[in-house]
Amino acid sequence: MIYIEDLIKEDIGRYVIYTDGLKNEEQGRLKSWNDKWIFVVYHCADDWDNYQDYTGAATDPNDLKFVEPKPGENWKTEDKLNRFDILDL
């Protein structure tokens, strides 16, 4: 879970994992937030350096966790989740 009240400007662009509580997971980048939703870019034609040019989907913060790519790895949608370290914040 990500707490909206703890987000800071530097969190924009961080990688996240969305989990629906079942077995469905999706990777994305945090674009913005308001007092209820975190807006995440999930699909950007594998153009992750320009993710801010794409529409962010309103996502419940309860369904998100931060992730970080391992050093030297490029982040892509087809990467497996085990290639990332999930941070429980």
Protein backbone atom coordinates (compact mmCIF):
# COMPACT_ATOMS: atom_id res chain seq x y z
CA MET A 1 0.00 0.00 0.00
CA ILE A 2 1.15 3.51 -0.78
CA TYR A 3 0.03 6.29 1.54
CA ILE A 4 -0.96 9.40 -0.41
CA GLU A 5 -0.16 11.67 2.53
CA ASP A 6 3.45 10.42 2.46
CA LEU A 7 4.02 11.09 -1.25
CA ILE A 8 6.46 13.81 -2.23
CA LYS A 9 7.39 15.40 -5.56
CA GLU A 10 10.39 13.06 -5.87
CA ASP A 11 8.03 10.04 -5.96
CA ILE A 12 6.83 11.07 -9.42
CA GLY A 13 8.27 8.59 -11.89
CA ARG A 14 8.84 5.81 -9.37
CA TYR A 15 7.89 2.33 -10.48
CA VAL A 16 4.90 0.61 -8.89
CA ILE A 17 3.12 -2.72 -8.96
CA TYR A 18 -0.68 -2.83 -9.00
CA THR A 19 -2.24 -5.92 -7.41
CA ASP A 20 -5.99 -6.55 -7.53
CA GLY A 21 -5.95 -8.89 -4.52
CA LEU A 22 -6.14 -11.99 -6.70
CA LYS A 23 -3.24 -13.05 -8.88
CA ASN A 24 -3.37 -10.16 -11.34
CA GLU A 25 -0.48 -7.72 -11.22
CA GLU A 26 0.56 -4.87 -13.49
CA GLN A 27 3.65 -2.70 -13.54
CA GLY A 28 3.62 1.06 -14.09
CA ARG A 29 5.08 4.45 -13.18
CA LEU A 30 3.58 6.96 -10.78
CA LYS A 31 2.55 10.09 -12.67
CA SER A 32 0.57 12.16 -10.13
CA TRP A 33 -1.97 11.97 -7.32
CA ASN A 34 -4.82 13.78 -5.63
CA ASP A 35 -6.44 13.26 -2.22
CA LYS A 36 -8.08 9.96 -3.31
CA TRP A 37 -6.25 8.43 -6.29
CA ILE A 38 -2.74 7.77 -7.52
CA PHE A 39 -2.43 8.16 -11.28
CA VAL A 40 -0.23 5.49 -12.82
CA VAL A 41 0.93 5.02 -16.41
CA TYR A 42 0.66 1.30 -17.16
CA HIS A 43 1.04 1.28 -20.93
CA CYS A 44 3.25 3.59 -22.90
CA ALA A 45 4.35 1.56 -25.94
CA ASP A 46 7.51 0.60 -24.02
CA ASP A 47 8.55 4.28 -24.06
CA TRP A 48 9.17 4.48 -20.31
CA ASP A 49 11.50 7.47 -20.58
CA ASN A 50 8.52 9.49 -21.85
CA TYR A 51 5.83 7.98 -19.60
CA GLN A 52 4.56 11.47 -18.69
CA ASP A 53 3.32 11.89 -22.26
CA TYR A 54 0.78 9.10 -21.61
CA THR A 55 -2.48 9.05 -19.67
CA GLY A 56 -2.31 7.88 -16.06
CA ALA A 57 -5.03 5.58 -14.74
CA ALA A 58 -6.66 6.47 -11.40
CA THR A 59 -5.60 3.69 -9.04
CA ASP A 60 -6.56 2.93 -5.45
CA PRO A 61 -3.44 3.46 -3.28
CA ASN A 62 -4.35 0.28 -1.36
CA ASP A 63 -3.58 -1.71 -4.51
CA LEU A 64 -0.08 -0.29 -5.12
CA LYS A 65 3.47 -0.98 -3.94
CA PHE A 66 6.70 0.73 -4.95
CA VAL A 67 9.30 -1.32 -6.85
CA GLU A 68 12.83 -0.57 -8.02
CA PRO A 69 14.56 -2.11 -11.03
CA LYS A 70 17.78 -3.90 -10.17
CA PRO A 71 20.92 -1.92 -11.08
CA GLY A 72 21.76 -2.10 -14.77
CA GLU A 73 18.33 -3.41 -15.81
CA ASN A 74 15.88 -1.57 -18.01
CA TRP A 75 12.30 -1.60 -16.85
CA LYS A 76 9.82 -2.98 -19.38
CA THR A 77 6.28 -4.29 -19.15
CA GLU A 78 7.28 -7.80 -20.16
CA ASP A 79 9.85 -8.11 -17.37
CA LYS A 80 8.96 -10.66 -14.74
CA LEU A 81 8.11 -9.48 -11.23
CA ASN A 82 10.95 -11.52 -9.76
CA ARG A 83 13.38 -9.14 -11.47
CA PHE A 84 12.35 -6.39 -9.04
CA ASP A 85 12.68 -5.82 -5.34
CA ILE A 86 9.28 -5.00 -3.88
CA LEU A 87 9.50 -2.36 -1.20
CA ASP A 88 6.98 -2.57 1.62
CA LEU A 89 6.58 1.07 2.56
